[in-house]
Amino acid sequence: MYIENKYWNNYIGDTDDSLNLIAFLEDQAGDNISFSEILKQIGLHKQGENFRKTVSPLGFTNSIGIYVDFHFAIDVLTDLAAILLECKVSGDVDLHELEPFDTASHRIKIIAAPEDYELLDRVLSDFSSNPLAYDICELVPQEDILEMAEICESLRQELIS
């Protein structure tokens, strides 16, 4: 997996929000999933272009009727950006590789339109420049959030190129 160790499980992909995102992706009917549809289905579209403060509720009701919530919008967006990069480089991603303990093998591909890449470019650029303005700082030590911002900038550059 291309993103393994470079991005995934390196401040990206290693939170409760990450596990919930993988559960969401696993719960989808098809193998090709629209990036903008993901944003709508979990409520991220309500953020507009401001991912600094999470607009509640963010979440989804899974196929067995349980509501699963997300805590930090920027956390979910950085995870989606990394998964999208994996799809861009490798063609698709096996959800089992993202979370090997509770997830069966299921290959998916996230499809993004040019405007989706533009949104990611703007939001990841803002996070990289202003990480301490984001609500995720409530749980992450300053040193770690600054390192996460550097990783997100690298991810942004690679994803947008």
N, C-alpha and C. Protein backbone atom coordinates (compact mmCIF):
# COMPACT_ATOMS: atom_id res chain seq x y z
N MET A 1 0.85 -1.17 0.00
CA MET A 1 0.00 0.00 0.00
C MET A 1 0.90 1.23 0.00
N TYR A 2 0.65 2.14 -0.93
CA TYR A 2 1.48 3.32 -1.12
C TYR A 2 1.51 4.23 0.10
N ILE A 3 0.35 4.49 0.71
CA ILE A 3 0.28 5.46 1.79
C ILE A 3 0.73 4.90 3.14
N GLU A 4 0.93 3.60 3.23
CA GLU A 4 1.31 2.97 4.50
C GLU A 4 2.62 3.56 5.01
N ASN A 5 2.64 3.89 6.27
CA ASN A 5 3.78 4.46 6.99
C ASN A 5 4.14 5.88 6.56
N LYS A 6 3.94 6.23 5.29
CA LYS A 6 4.23 7.60 4.85
C LYS A 6 3.16 8.55 5.37
N TYR A 7 1.90 8.13 5.25
CA TYR A 7 0.79 8.95 5.73
C TYR A 7 -0.08 8.17 6.71
N TRP A 8 -0.52 7.00 6.29
CA TRP A 8 -1.45 6.22 7.10
C TRP A 8 -0.74 5.72 8.35
N ASN A 9 -1.37 5.90 9.48
CA ASN A 9 -0.80 5.58 10.80
C ASN A 9 0.36 6.49 11.17
N ASN A 10 0.38 7.67 10.57
CA ASN A 10 1.38 8.68 10.88
C ASN A 10 0.62 10.00 11.07
N TYR A 11 -0.21 10.04 12.11
CA TYR A 11 -1.15 11.12 12.42
C TYR A 11 -2.39 11.09 11.54
N ILE A 12 -2.39 10.28 10.52
CA ILE A 12 -3.54 10.12 9.63
C ILE A 12 -3.90 8.64 9.66
N GLY A 13 -5.18 8.35 9.87
CA GLY A 13 -5.61 6.96 9.82
C GLY A 13 -5.48 6.20 11.12
N ASP A 14 -5.21 6.90 12.20
CA ASP A 14 -5.01 6.17 13.46
C ASP A 14 -5.84 6.73 14.62
N THR A 15 -7.07 7.14 14.29
CA THR A 15 -7.95 7.70 15.31
C THR A 15 -9.28 6.95 15.30
N ASP A 16 -10.11 7.26 16.28
CA ASP A 16 -11.47 6.71 16.29
C ASP A 16 -12.24 7.17 15.05
N ASP A 17 -12.02 8.42 14.64
CA ASP A 17 -12.67 8.91 13.42
C ASP A 17 -12.24 8.08 12.21
N SER A 18 -10.98 7.66 12.18
CA SER A 18 -10.48 6.84 11.08
C SER A 18 -11.20 5.49 11.04
N LEU A 19 -11.34 4.88 12.20
CA LEU A 19 -12.04 3.59 12.27
C LEU A 19 -13.49 3.75 11.83
N ASN A 20 -14.13 4.85 12.22
CA ASN A 20 -15.51 5.10 11.83
C ASN A 20 -15.63 5.36 10.33
N LEU A 21 -14.63 6.04 9.75
CA LEU A 21 -14.64 6.28 8.31
C LEU A 21 -14.50 4.95 7.56
N ILE A 22 -13.62 4.10 8.01
CA ILE A 22 -13.46 2.80 7.36
C ILE A 22 -14.75 1.98 7.47
N ALA A 23 -15.40 2.05 8.63
CA ALA A 23 -16.68 1.37 8.80
C ALA A 23 -17.71 1.92 7.83
N PHE A 24 -17.72 3.24 7.64
CA PHE A 24 -18.63 3.86 6.68
C PHE A 24 -18.35 3.35 5.28
N LEU A 25 -17.08 3.35 4.87
CA LEU A 25 -16.72 2.91 3.53
C LEU A 25 -17.05 1.43 3.32
N GLU A 26 -16.84 0.64 4.35
CA GLU A 26 -17.15 -0.79 4.28
C GLU A 26 -18.66 -1.01 4.12
N ASP A 27 -19.45 -0.12 4.66
CA ASP A 27 -20.91 -0.24 4.64
C ASP A 27 -21.54 0.19 3.31
N GLN A 28 -20.73 0.77 2.43
CA GLN A 28 -21.27 1.25 1.15
C GLN A 28 -21.52 0.08 0.21
N ALA A 29 -22.57 0.21 -0.60
CA ALA A 29 -23.00 -0.88 -1.47
C ALA A 29 -22.03 -1.14 -2.63
N GLY A 30 -21.52 -0.10 -3.24
CA GLY A 30 -20.68 -0.27 -4.42
C GLY A 30 -19.20 -0.22 -4.12
N ASP A 31 -18.42 -0.49 -5.14
CA ASP A 31 -16.97 -0.42 -5.01
C ASP A 31 -16.42 0.95 -5.39
N ASN A 32 -17.15 1.69 -6.22
CA ASN A 32 -16.77 3.05 -6.62
C ASN A 32 -17.62 4.02 -5.81
N ILE A 33 -16.94 4.90 -5.08
CA ILE A 33 -17.64 5.81 -4.18
C ILE A 33 -17.24 7.24 -4.52
N SER A 34 -18.20 8.09 -4.72
CA SER A 34 -17.96 9.49 -5.03
C SER A 34 -17.51 10.26 -3.78
N PHE A 35 -16.42 11.00 -3.92
CA PHE A 35 -15.91 11.81 -2.82
C PHE A 35 -16.98 12.77 -2.31
N SER A 36 -17.65 13.47 -3.22
CA SER A 36 -18.66 14.44 -2.81
C SER A 36 -19.84 13.75 -2.14
N GLU A 37 -20.16 12.53 -2.55
CA GLU A 37 -21.25 11.79 -1.91
C GLU A 37 -20.86 11.38 -0.49
N ILE A 38 -19.61 11.05 -0.28
CA ILE A 38 -19.12 10.73 1.08
C ILE A 38 -19.34 11.95 1.97
N LEU A 39 -18.94 13.12 1.47
CA LEU A 39 -19.10 14.35 2.25
C LEU A 39 -20.55 14.57 2.64
N LYS A 40 -21.46 14.33 1.70
CA LYS A 40 -22.89 14.52 1.97
C LYS A 40 -23.41 13.49 2.96
N GLN A 41 -23.06 12.24 2.76
CA GLN A 41 -23.62 11.18 3.59
C GLN A 41 -23.18 11.25 5.04
N ILE A 42 -21.99 11.78 5.30
CA ILE A 42 -21.55 11.87 6.70
C ILE A 42 -21.67 13.28 7.27
N GLY A 43 -22.14 14.23 6.46
CA GLY A 43 -22.41 15.58 6.95
C GLY A 43 -21.28 16.57 6.78
N LEU A 44 -20.18 16.17 6.15
CA LEU A 44 -19.06 17.09 5.97
C LEU A 44 -19.39 18.23 5.01
N HIS A 45 -20.38 18.06 4.16
CA HIS A 45 -20.77 19.13 3.24
C HIS A 45 -21.27 20.37 4.00
N LYS A 46 -21.74 20.18 5.25
CA LYS A 46 -22.22 21.30 6.06
C LYS A 46 -21.08 22.22 6.51
N GLN A 47 -19.85 21.73 6.41
CA GLN A 47 -18.70 22.52 6.82
C GLN A 47 -18.42 23.65 5.83
N GLY A 48 -18.92 23.52 4.60
CA GLY A 48 -18.58 24.49 3.56
C GLY A 48 -17.10 24.38 3.27
N GLU A 49 -16.38 25.46 3.43
CA GLU A 49 -14.93 25.45 3.23
C GLU A 49 -14.19 25.61 4.56
N ASN A 50 -14.94 25.69 5.65
CA ASN A 50 -14.32 25.90 6.95
C ASN A 50 -14.32 24.60 7.75
N PHE A 51 -13.18 23.98 7.84
CA PHE A 51 -13.03 22.74 8.60
C PHE A 51 -12.33 22.98 9.93
N ARG A 52 -12.19 24.24 10.30
CA ARG A 52 -11.50 24.55 11.56
C ARG A 52 -12.32 24.13 12.78
N LYS A 53 -13.60 24.36 12.74
CA LYS A 53 -14.50 23.96 13.83
C LYS A 53 -15.53 23.00 13.26
N THR A 54 -15.69 21.89 13.90
CA THR A 54 -16.59 20.85 13.42
C THR A 54 -18.04 21.24 13.66
N VAL A 55 -18.83 21.14 12.59
CA VAL A 55 -20.26 21.38 12.67
C VAL A 55 -20.94 20.04 12.97
N SER A 56 -21.67 19.98 14.07
CA SER A 56 -22.35 18.73 14.45
C SER A 56 -23.74 18.71 13.87
N PRO A 57 -24.35 17.57 13.68
CA PRO A 57 -23.74 16.25 13.87
C PRO A 57 -23.01 15.81 12.60
N LEU A 58 -21.93 15.09 12.82
CA LEU A 58 -21.18 14.46 11.74
C LEU A 58 -21.27 12.97 11.99
N GLY A 59 -21.81 12.22 11.07
CA GLY A 59 -21.90 10.80 11.25
C GLY A 59 -22.82 10.15 10.25
N PHE A 60 -23.13 8.89 10.51
CA PHE A 60 -23.99 8.12 9.61
C PHE A 60 -24.65 7.00 10.40
N THR A 61 -25.75 6.51 9.88
CA THR A 61 -26.41 5.34 10.45
C THR A 61 -26.01 4.15 9.60
N ASN A 62 -25.38 3.17 10.23
CA ASN A 62 -24.88 2.03 9.46
C ASN A 62 -26.00 1.08 9.07
N SER A 63 -25.65 0.03 8.36
CA SER A 63 -26.64 -0.88 7.79
C SER A 63 -27.41 -1.67 8.84
N ILE A 64 -26.93 -1.70 10.08
CA ILE A 64 -27.69 -2.39 11.13
C ILE A 64 -28.40 -1.40 12.06
N GLY A 65 -28.43 -0.13 11.64
CA GLY A 65 -29.22 0.87 12.35
C GLY A 65 -28.53 1.59 13.48
N ILE A 66 -27.23 1.44 13.61
CA ILE A 66 -26.49 2.12 14.68
C ILE A 66 -25.91 3.42 14.14
N TYR A 67 -26.12 4.52 14.89
CA TYR A 67 -25.56 5.81 14.49
C TYR A 67 -24.10 5.86 14.93
N VAL A 68 -23.23 6.20 13.99
CA VAL A 68 -21.79 6.29 14.23
C VAL A 68 -21.40 7.74 13.98
N ASP A 69 -20.74 8.37 14.97
CA ASP A 69 -20.41 9.78 14.81
C ASP A 69 -18.91 10.00 14.65
N PHE A 70 -18.61 11.18 14.11
CA PHE A 70 -17.24 11.64 13.93
C PHE A 70 -17.03 12.86 14.82
N HIS A 71 -15.83 13.01 15.36
CA HIS A 71 -15.57 14.10 16.29
C HIS A 71 -14.94 15.33 15.64
N PHE A 72 -14.01 15.12 14.71
CA PHE A 72 -13.28 16.24 14.12
C PHE A 72 -13.34 16.18 12.60
N ALA A 73 -13.92 17.20 12.00
CA ALA A 73 -14.07 17.24 10.55
C ALA A 73 -12.72 17.16 9.84
N ILE A 74 -11.72 17.88 10.34
CA ILE A 74 -10.41 17.88 9.67
C ILE A 74 -9.78 16.51 9.73
N ASP A 75 -10.02 15.77 10.78
CA ASP A 75 -9.49 14.42 10.92
C ASP A 75 -10.06 13.51 9.82
N VAL A 76 -11.34 13.59 9.60
CA VAL A 76 -11.99 12.78 8.56
C VAL A 76 -11.49 13.20 7.18
N LEU A 77 -11.35 14.50 6.96
CA LEU A 77 -10.91 14.98 5.66
C LEU A 77 -9.47 14.57 5.35
N THR A 78 -8.59 14.60 6.33
CA THR A 78 -7.20 14.17 6.08
C THR A 78 -7.16 12.67 5.78
N ASP A 79 -7.99 11.89 6.48
CA ASP A 79 -8.07 10.45 6.19
C ASP A 79 -8.57 10.22 4.77
N LEU A 80 -9.61 10.94 4.39
CA LEU A 80 -10.14 10.81 3.03
C LEU A 80 -9.10 11.20 1.99
N ALA A 81 -8.34 12.25 2.26
CA ALA A 81 -7.30 12.69 1.33
C ALA A 81 -6.25 11.59 1.15
N ALA A 82 -5.85 10.95 2.23
CA ALA A 82 -4.86 9.87 2.14
C ALA A 82 -5.42 8.68 1.36
N ILE A 83 -6.67 8.32 1.63
CA ILE A 83 -7.29 7.20 0.91
C ILE A 83 -7.44 7.55 -0.57
N LEU A 84 -7.79 8.79 -0.86
CA LEU A 84 -7.91 9.23 -2.25
C LEU A 84 -6.55 9.16 -2.95
N LEU A 85 -5.48 9.54 -2.25
CA LEU A 85 -4.14 9.43 -2.83
C LEU A 85 -3.82 7.97 -3.14
N GLU A 86 -4.16 7.08 -2.22
CA GLU A 86 -3.93 5.65 -2.49
C GLU A 86 -4.68 5.21 -3.74
N CYS A 87 -5.91 5.65 -3.89
CA CYS A 87 -6.70 5.30 -5.08
C CYS A 87 -6.09 5.91 -6.34
N LYS A 88 -5.58 7.11 -6.22
CA LYS A 88 -4.96 7.79 -7.36
C LYS A 88 -3.70 7.05 -7.81
N VAL A 89 -2.91 6.59 -6.86
CA VAL A 89 -1.64 5.92 -7.18
C VAL A 89 -1.85 4.45 -7.56
N SER A 90 -2.67 3.75 -6.79
CA SER A 90 -2.81 2.30 -6.96
C SER A 90 -4.07 1.88 -7.70
N GLY A 91 -4.99 2.79 -7.93
CA GLY A 91 -6.23 2.46 -8.60
C GLY A 91 -7.38 2.21 -7.65
N ASP A 92 -7.09 1.63 -6.49
CA ASP A 92 -8.10 1.38 -5.47
C ASP A 92 -7.38 1.09 -4.16
N VAL A 93 -8.16 0.77 -3.12
CA VAL A 93 -7.57 0.45 -1.83
C VAL A 93 -8.38 -0.68 -1.20
N ASP A 94 -7.69 -1.58 -0.53
CA ASP A 94 -8.35 -2.65 0.21
C ASP A 94 -8.56 -2.14 1.64
N LEU A 95 -9.81 -2.06 2.07
CA LEU A 95 -10.11 -1.56 3.41
C LEU A 95 -9.44 -2.39 4.50
N HIS A 96 -9.22 -3.66 4.23
CA HIS A 96 -8.52 -4.52 5.19
C HIS A 96 -7.09 -4.04 5.43
N GLU A 97 -6.45 -3.50 4.41
CA GLU A 97 -5.10 -2.97 4.57
C GLU A 97 -5.09 -1.71 5.43
N LEU A 98 -6.18 -0.94 5.37
CA LEU A 98 -6.28 0.26 6.20
C LEU A 98 -6.54 -0.08 7.66
N GLU A 99 -7.32 -1.13 7.88
CA GLU A 99 -7.68 -1.54 9.24
C GLU A 99 -7.78 -3.07 9.26
N PRO A 100 -6.66 -3.74 9.52
CA PRO A 100 -6.61 -5.20 9.38
C PRO A 100 -7.30 -5.99 10.49
N PHE A 101 -7.65 -5.37 11.59
CA PHE A 101 -8.15 -6.13 12.73
C PHE A 101 -9.63 -6.43 12.66
N ASP A 102 -10.43 -5.47 12.22
CA ASP A 102 -11.89 -5.65 12.23
C ASP A 102 -12.54 -5.51 10.86
N THR A 103 -11.75 -5.44 9.81
CA THR A 103 -12.29 -5.17 8.49
C THR A 103 -11.91 -6.28 7.53
N ALA A 104 -12.92 -6.79 6.83
CA ALA A 104 -12.68 -7.83 5.82
C ALA A 104 -12.08 -7.20 4.57
N SER A 105 -11.51 -8.01 3.74
CA SER A 105 -10.98 -7.54 2.47
C SER A 105 -12.12 -7.03 1.61
N HIS A 106 -12.02 -5.78 1.18
CA HIS A 106 -13.03 -5.14 0.34
C HIS A 106 -12.34 -4.00 -0.38
N ARG A 107 -12.20 -4.14 -1.69
CA ARG A 107 -11.52 -3.12 -2.48
C ARG A 107 -12.54 -2.05 -2.89
N ILE A 108 -12.16 -0.79 -2.66
CA ILE A 108 -13.00 0.34 -3.07
C ILE A 108 -12.15 1.34 -3.83
N LYS A 109 -12.83 2.19 -4.55
CA LYS A 109 -12.17 3.30 -5.25
C LYS A 109 -12.97 4.55 -4.99
N ILE A 110 -12.31 5.57 -4.48
CA ILE A 110 -12.96 6.87 -4.29
C ILE A 110 -12.74 7.68 -5.55
N ILE A 111 -13.83 8.19 -6.09
CA ILE A 111 -13.81 8.98 -7.32
C ILE A 111 -13.98 10.45 -6.94
N ALA A 112 -13.03 11.28 -7.35
CA ALA A 112 -13.10 12.71 -7.03
C ALA A 112 -13.12 13.54 -8.30
N ALA A 113 -13.93 14.57 -8.30
CA ALA A 113 -14.02 15.52 -9.40
C ALA A 113 -12.99 16.63 -9.19
N PRO A 114 -12.70 17.41 -10.22
CA PRO A 114 -11.73 18.51 -10.05
C PRO A 114 -12.07 19.43 -8.88
N GLU A 115 -13.36 19.73 -8.67
CA GLU A 115 -13.73 20.62 -7.56
C GLU A 115 -13.45 19.96 -6.20
N ASP A 116 -13.48 18.64 -6.14
CA ASP A 116 -13.14 17.94 -4.90
C ASP A 116 -11.65 18.12 -4.59
N TYR A 117 -10.82 17.99 -5.62
CA TYR A 117 -9.38 18.21 -5.44
C TYR A 117 -9.10 19.66 -5.05
N GLU A 118 -9.85 20.59 -5.62
CA GLU A 118 -9.68 22.01 -5.27
C GLU A 118 -10.04 22.25 -3.80
N LEU A 119 -11.12 21.63 -3.33
CA LEU A 119 -11.51 21.75 -1.92
C LEU A 119 -10.40 21.19 -1.03
N LEU A 120 -9.92 20.00 -1.36
CA LEU A 120 -8.84 19.40 -0.56
C LEU A 120 -7.60 20.28 -0.56
N ASP A 121 -7.27 20.85 -1.70
CA ASP A 121 -6.11 21.73 -1.79
C ASP A 121 -6.26 22.91 -0.84
N ARG A 122 -7.42 23.55 -0.86
CA ARG A 122 -7.63 24.72 0.00
C ARG A 122 -7.64 24.35 1.49
N VAL A 123 -8.36 23.29 1.83
CA VAL A 123 -8.49 22.93 3.25
C VAL A 123 -7.17 22.40 3.81
N LEU A 124 -6.50 21.52 3.08
CA LEU A 124 -5.22 21.01 3.58
C LEU A 124 -4.16 22.11 3.64
N SER A 125 -4.20 23.03 2.71
CA SER A 125 -3.28 24.17 2.75
C SER A 125 -3.54 25.03 3.98
N ASP A 126 -4.82 25.29 4.26
CA ASP A 126 -5.16 26.08 5.44
C ASP A 126 -4.73 25.36 6.72
N PHE A 127 -5.00 24.07 6.81
CA PHE A 127 -4.60 23.32 7.99
C PHE A 127 -3.08 23.33 8.16
N SER A 128 -2.36 23.15 7.05
CA SER A 128 -0.90 23.13 7.12
C SER A 128 -0.34 24.47 7.58
N SER A 129 -1.01 25.56 7.20
CA SER A 129 -0.55 26.91 7.56
C SER A 129 -1.03 27.35 8.94
N ASN A 130 -2.20 26.83 9.37
CA ASN A 130 -2.82 27.30 10.61
C ASN A 130 -3.31 26.14 11.48
N PRO A 131 -2.49 25.17 11.78
CA PRO A 131 -2.99 23.98 12.49
C PRO A 131 -3.55 24.28 13.88
N LEU A 132 -3.03 25.30 14.53
CA LEU A 132 -3.49 25.60 15.89
C LEU A 132 -4.86 26.27 15.92
N ALA A 133 -5.40 26.62 14.74
CA ALA A 133 -6.74 27.20 14.67
C ALA A 133 -7.83 26.14 14.59
N TYR A 134 -7.44 24.88 14.53
CA TYR A 134 -8.41 23.78 14.36
C TYR A 134 -8.79 23.16 15.70
N ASP A 135 -10.06 22.74 15.78
CA ASP A 135 -10.57 22.18 17.03
C ASP A 135 -9.92 20.87 17.44
N ILE A 136 -9.24 20.21 16.55
CA ILE A 136 -8.54 18.97 16.88
C ILE A 136 -7.43 19.23 17.92
N CYS A 137 -7.02 20.49 18.04
CA CYS A 137 -6.00 20.87 19.03
C CYS A 137 -6.47 20.61 20.46
N GLU A 138 -7.79 20.44 20.64
CA GLU A 138 -8.32 20.14 21.97
C GLU A 138 -7.78 18.82 22.51
N LEU A 139 -7.43 17.90 21.62
CA LEU A 139 -6.97 16.57 22.04
C LEU A 139 -5.53 16.26 21.68
N VAL A 140 -4.96 17.01 20.76
CA VAL A 140 -3.63 16.69 20.26
C VAL A 140 -2.62 17.72 20.80
N PRO A 141 -1.52 17.26 21.40
CA PRO A 141 -0.50 18.20 21.87
C PRO A 141 0.04 19.06 20.73
N GLN A 142 0.44 20.28 21.06
CA GLN A 142 0.88 21.25 20.06
C GLN A 142 2.00 20.69 19.18
N GLU A 143 2.98 20.04 19.76
CA GLU A 143 4.09 19.49 18.99
C GLU A 143 3.59 18.48 17.95
N ASP A 144 2.63 17.65 18.35
CA ASP A 144 2.08 16.65 17.44
C ASP A 144 1.25 17.29 16.34
N ILE A 145 0.47 18.32 16.68
CA ILE A 145 -0.37 18.95 15.66
C ILE A 145 0.50 19.67 14.63
N LEU A 146 1.63 20.22 15.06
CA LEU A 146 2.54 20.87 14.12
C LEU A 146 3.18 19.84 13.19
N GLU A 147 3.51 18.67 13.73
CA GLU A 147 4.06 17.60 12.90
C GLU A 147 2.99 17.08 11.93
N MET A 148 1.77 16.96 12.42
CA MET A 148 0.66 16.52 11.56
C MET A 148 0.47 17.51 10.42
N ALA A 149 0.60 18.79 10.70
CA ALA A 149 0.45 19.82 9.67
C ALA A 149 1.50 19.66 8.57
N GLU A 150 2.73 19.34 8.96
CA GLU A 150 3.79 19.12 7.97
C GLU A 150 3.47 17.91 7.10
N ILE A 151 2.98 16.84 7.71
CA ILE A 151 2.61 15.64 6.97
C ILE A 151 1.46 15.94 6.02
N CYS A 152 0.50 16.72 6.48
CA CYS A 152 -0.65 17.08 5.63
C CYS A 152 -0.22 17.93 4.45
N GLU A 153 0.77 18.77 4.64
CA GLU A 153 1.27 19.58 3.52
C GLU A 153 1.92 18.68 2.47
N SER A 154 2.68 17.71 2.90
CA SER A 154 3.28 16.75 1.98
C SER A 154 2.20 15.97 1.24
N LEU A 155 1.19 15.53 1.98
CA LEU A 155 0.06 14.82 1.38
C LEU A 155 -0.65 15.70 0.35
N ARG A 156 -0.89 16.96 0.72
CA ARG A 156 -1.57 17.90 -0.19
C ARG A 156 -0.78 18.04 -1.48
N GLN A 157 0.52 18.26 -1.36
CA GLN A 157 1.34 18.46 -2.56
C GLN A 157 1.32 17.23 -3.46
N GLU A 158 1.38 16.07 -2.84
CA GLU A 158 1.38 14.83 -3.62
C GLU A 158 0.02 14.56 -4.25
N LEU A 159 -1.03 14.83 -3.53
CA LEU A 159 -2.38 14.58 -4.03
C LEU A 159 -2.75 15.51 -5.16
N ILE A 160 -2.35 16.76 -5.06
CA ILE A 160 -2.76 17.78 -6.03
C ILE A 160 -1.86 17.78 -7.28
N SER A 161 -0.66 17.24 -7.18
CA SER A 161 0.26 17.26 -8.33
C SER A 161 -0.21 16.41 -9.49
